[in-house]
């Protein structure tokens, strides 16, 4: 697989997981500072790791959510809470992942994550949300 193939595979998975709207926004914001970074994310995070056969996307989503809790990365956590449903992750499974994170990442981190999850789910359930 060459770099272009990896980029193409990565963009396909990135769109399937995060949704076209998010990816289109990220691509529209590219400039001379961020173009290479966006390309790297697409090729390596999405084209190299998320395409690997060793774990299903469902599992990768739950792992990513827990890692975002551990690293206190709120914006990425919100993004992956939304994206998880594209990978067949239920809200009950997210709840269980956040409870697991409470033990290993700390109660304050999980408390914040539960609050963000409630906010994201309200937004997702709002009439007219896409």
C-alpha atoms as a PDB file:
ATOM      1  CA  UNK A   1       0.000   0.000   0.000  1.00  0.00           C
ATOM      2  CA  UNK A   2       1.496   3.357  -0.972  1.00  0.00           C
ATOM      3  CA  UNK A   3       0.907   6.681   0.787  1.00  0.00           C
ATOM      4  CA  UNK A   4      -1.956   7.673  -1.535  1.00  0.00           C
ATOM      5  CA  UNK A   5      -3.706   4.326  -0.983  1.00  0.00           C
ATOM      6  CA  UNK A   6      -3.252   4.740   2.778  1.00  0.00           C
ATOM      7  CA  UNK A   7      -4.651   8.286   2.556  1.00  0.00           C
ATOM      8  CA  UNK A   8      -7.651   7.126   0.505  1.00  0.00           C
ATOM      9  CA  UNK A   9      -8.378   4.232   2.887  1.00  0.00           C
ATOM     10  CA  UNK A  10      -7.956   6.567   5.840  1.00  0.00           C
ATOM     11  CA  UNK A  11     -10.301   9.176   4.415  1.00  0.00           C
ATOM     12  CA  UNK A  12     -12.945   6.507   3.798  1.00  0.00           C
ATOM     13  CA  UNK A  13     -12.763   5.276   7.413  1.00  0.00           C
ATOM     14  CA  UNK A  14     -12.502   8.805   8.806  1.00  0.00           C
ATOM     15  CA  UNK A  15     -15.712   9.776   7.007  1.00  0.00           C
ATOM     16  CA  UNK A  16     -17.503   6.571   8.086  1.00  0.00           C
ATOM     17  CA  UNK A  17     -16.543   7.043  11.741  1.00  0.00           C
ATOM     18  CA  UNK A  18     -16.662  10.824  12.202  1.00  0.00           C
ATOM     19  CA  UNK A  19     -19.194  11.701   9.496  1.00  0.00           C
ATOM     20  CA  UNK A  20     -18.859  13.752   6.343  1.00  0.00           C
ATOM     21  CA  UNK A  21     -19.820  17.025   8.021  1.00  0.00           C
ATOM     22  CA  UNK A  22     -16.968  16.858  10.531  1.00  0.00           C
ATOM     23  CA  UNK A  23     -14.383  15.789   7.966  1.00  0.00           C
ATOM     24  CA  UNK A  24     -15.537  18.443   5.501  1.00  0.00           C
ATOM     25  CA  UNK A  25     -15.170  21.118   8.215  1.00  0.00           C
ATOM     26  CA  UNK A  26     -11.678  19.891   9.079  1.00  0.00           C
ATOM     27  CA  UNK A  27     -10.662  19.824   5.418  1.00  0.00           C
ATOM     28  CA  UNK A  28     -12.080  23.309   4.808  1.00  0.00           C
ATOM     29  CA  UNK A  29      -9.937  24.709   7.639  1.00  0.00           C
ATOM     30  CA  UNK A  30      -6.689  23.395   6.129  1.00  0.00           C
ATOM     31  CA  UNK A  31      -4.075  26.039   5.474  1.00  0.00           C
ATOM     32  CA  UNK A  32      -0.322  26.201   5.036  1.00  0.00           C
ATOM     33  CA  UNK A  33       0.121  25.464   8.740  1.00  0.00           C
ATOM     34  CA  UNK A  34      -2.294  22.509   9.044  1.00  0.00           C
ATOM     35  CA  UNK A  35      -2.352  20.754   5.653  1.00  0.00           C
ATOM     36  CA  UNK A  36       0.429  18.292   6.461  1.00  0.00           C
ATOM     37  CA  UNK A  37      -1.059  17.601   9.888  1.00  0.00           C
ATOM     38  CA  UNK A  38      -4.474  16.772   8.397  1.00  0.00           C
ATOM     39  CA  UNK A  39      -2.779  14.531   5.832  1.00  0.00           C
ATOM     40  CA  UNK A  40      -0.787  12.769   8.565  1.00  0.00           C
ATOM     41  CA  UNK A  41      -3.918  12.166  10.661  1.00  0.00           C
ATOM     42  CA  UNK A  42      -5.738  10.751   7.656  1.00  0.00           C
ATOM     43  CA  UNK A  43      -2.884   8.471   6.588  1.00  0.00           C
ATOM     44  CA  UNK A  44      -1.707   7.225   9.966  1.00  0.00           C
ATOM     45  CA  UNK A  45      -4.515   7.457  12.519  1.00  0.00           C
ATOM     46  CA  UNK A  46      -7.253   6.506  10.074  1.00  0.00           C
ATOM     47  CA  UNK A  47      -5.436   4.742   7.215  1.00  0.00           C
ATOM     48  CA  UNK A  48      -2.899   2.811   9.266  1.00  0.00           C
ATOM     49  CA  UNK A  49      -4.524   2.166  12.655  1.00  0.00           C
ATOM     50  CA  UNK A  50      -8.332   2.360  12.285  1.00  0.00           C
ATOM     51  CA  UNK A  51      -8.153   0.118   9.182  1.00  0.00           C
ATOM     52  CA  UNK A  52      -6.260  -2.675  10.942  1.00  0.00           C
ATOM     53  CA  UNK A  53      -8.192  -5.942  11.233  1.00  0.00           C
ATOM     54  CA  UNK A  54      -7.066  -6.745  14.813  1.00  0.00           C
ATOM     55  CA  UNK A  55      -9.881  -4.867  16.576  1.00  0.00           C
ATOM     56  CA  UNK A  56     -13.384  -3.994  15.425  1.00  0.00           C
ATOM     57  CA  UNK A  57     -14.276  -0.302  15.151  1.00  0.00           C
ATOM     58  CA  UNK A  58     -16.721  -0.781  18.023  1.00  0.00           C
ATOM     59  CA  UNK A  59     -13.841  -1.655  20.353  1.00  0.00           C
ATOM     60  CA  UNK A  60     -11.614   1.083  18.951  1.00  0.00           C
ATOM     61  CA  UNK A  61     -14.365   3.617  19.675  1.00  0.00           C
ATOM     62  CA  UNK A  62     -14.718   2.543  23.305  1.00  0.00           C
ATOM     63  CA  UNK A  63     -10.946   2.543  23.774  1.00  0.00           C
ATOM     64  CA  UNK A  64     -10.673   6.004  22.254  1.00  0.00           C
ATOM     65  CA  UNK A  65     -13.399   7.351  24.523  1.00  0.00           C
ATOM     66  CA  UNK A  66     -11.580   6.010  27.585  1.00  0.00           C
ATOM     67  CA  UNK A  67      -8.255   7.440  26.414  1.00  0.00           C
ATOM     68  CA  UNK A  68      -9.810  10.851  25.861  1.00  0.00           C
ATOM     69  CA  UNK A  69     -11.164  10.714  29.422  1.00  0.00           C
ATOM     70  CA  UNK A  70      -7.716   9.758  30.741  1.00  0.00           C
ATOM     71  CA  UNK A  71      -6.023  12.558  28.797  1.00  0.00           C
ATOM     72  CA  UNK A  72      -8.731  15.136  29.610  1.00  0.00           C
ATOM     73  CA  UNK A  73      -9.267  15.942  25.925  1.00  0.00           C
ATOM     74  CA  UNK A  74     -12.821  17.307  26.021  1.00  0.00           C
ATOM     75  CA  UNK A  75     -13.185  18.312  22.371  1.00  0.00           C
ATOM     76  CA  UNK A  76     -11.911  14.954  21.121  1.00  0.00           C
ATOM     77  CA  UNK A  77     -14.085  13.172  23.693  1.00  0.00           C
ATOM     78  CA  UNK A  78     -17.193  14.976  22.408  1.00  0.00           C
ATOM     79  CA  UNK A  79     -16.224  14.095  18.845  1.00  0.00           C
ATOM     80  CA  UNK A  80     -15.770  10.404  19.667  1.00  0.00           C
ATOM     81  CA  UNK A  81     -18.916  10.225  21.805  1.00  0.00           C
ATOM     82  CA  UNK A  82     -20.841  11.333  18.717  1.00  0.00           C
ATOM     83  CA  UNK A  83     -18.874   9.069  16.388  1.00  0.00           C
ATOM     84  CA  UNK A  84     -19.314   5.955  18.522  1.00  0.00           C
ATOM     85  CA  UNK A  85     -22.868   5.421  17.296  1.00  0.00           C
ATOM     86  CA  UNK A  86     -21.476   5.156  13.746  1.00  0.00           C
ATOM     87  CA  UNK A  87     -19.535   2.138  15.001  1.00  0.00           C
ATOM     88  CA  UNK A  88     -22.492   0.449  16.675  1.00  0.00           C
ATOM     89  CA  UNK A  89     -21.644   1.546  20.220  1.00  0.00           C
ATOM     90  CA  UNK A  90     -24.720   1.932  22.406  1.00  0.00           C
ATOM     91  CA  UNK A  91     -25.175   4.569  25.068  1.00  0.00           C
ATOM     92  CA  UNK A  92     -25.237   1.822  27.689  1.00  0.00           C
ATOM     93  CA  UNK A  93     -21.823   0.661  26.479  1.00  0.00           C
ATOM     94  CA  UNK A  94     -20.544   4.221  26.690  1.00  0.00           C
ATOM     95  CA  UNK A  95     -21.889   4.415  30.247  1.00  0.00           C
ATOM     96  CA  UNK A  96     -19.995   1.221  31.121  1.00  0.00           C
ATOM     97  CA  UNK A  97     -16.808   2.565  29.530  1.00  0.00           C
ATOM     98  CA  UNK A  98     -17.120   5.773  31.551  1.00  0.00           C
ATOM     99  CA  UNK A  99     -17.671   3.777  34.749  1.00  0.00           C
ATOM    100  CA  UNK A 100     -14.532   1.775  33.916  1.00  0.00           C
ATOM    101  CA  UNK A 101     -12.681   5.039  33.310  1.00  0.00           C
ATOM    102  CA  UNK A 102     -13.805   6.294  36.726  1.00  0.00           C
ATOM    103  CA  UNK A 103     -11.832   3.509  38.389  1.00  0.00           C
ATOM    104  CA  UNK A 104      -8.670   3.817  36.314  1.00  0.00           C
ATOM    105  CA  UNK A 105      -8.670   7.518  35.378  1.00  0.00           C
ATOM    106  CA  UNK A 106     -10.297   8.966  38.470  1.00  0.00           C
ATOM    107  CA  UNK A 107     -13.745  10.004  39.546  1.00  0.00           C
ATOM    108  CA  UNK A 108     -13.297  13.695  38.606  1.00  0.00           C
ATOM    109  CA  UNK A 109     -12.315  12.741  35.048  1.00  0.00           C
ATOM    110  CA  UNK A 110     -15.320  10.433  34.728  1.00  0.00           C
ATOM    111  CA  UNK A 111     -17.616  13.027  36.283  1.00  0.00           C
ATOM    112  CA  UNK A 112     -16.608  15.504  33.580  1.00  0.00           C
ATOM    113  CA  UNK A 113     -16.973  12.816  30.912  1.00  0.00           C
ATOM    114  CA  UNK A 114     -20.498  11.920  32.068  1.00  0.00           C
ATOM    115  CA  UNK A 115     -21.456  15.593  31.938  1.00  0.00           C
ATOM    116  CA  UNK A 116     -20.050  15.903  28.409  1.00  0.00           C
ATOM    117  CA  UNK A 117     -21.814  12.709  27.339  1.00  0.00           C
ATOM    118  CA  UNK A 118     -25.145  14.056  28.597  1.00  0.00           C
ATOM    119  CA  UNK A 119     -24.577  17.282  26.673  1.00  0.00           C
ATOM    120  CA  UNK A 120     -23.604  15.438  23.477  1.00  0.00           C
ATOM    121  CA  UNK A 121     -26.570  13.062  23.701  1.00  0.00           C
ATOM    122  CA  UNK A 122     -29.001  15.971  24.255  1.00  0.00           C
ATOM    123  CA  UNK A 123     -27.568  17.662  21.168  1.00  0.00           C
ATOM    124  CA  UNK A 124     -27.813  14.445  19.154  1.00  0.00           C
ATOM    125  CA  UNK A 125     -31.441  13.942  20.255  1.00  0.00           C
ATOM    126  CA  UNK A 126     -32.499  17.510  19.580  1.00  0.00           C
ATOM    127  CA  UNK A 127     -35.027  17.963  16.786  1.00  0.00           C
ATOM    128  CA  UNK A 128     -33.319  18.834  13.530  1.00  0.00           C
ATOM    129  CA  UNK A 129     -29.919  17.479  14.558  1.00  0.00           C
ATOM    130  CA  UNK A 130     -28.115  15.552  11.867  1.00  0.00           C
END
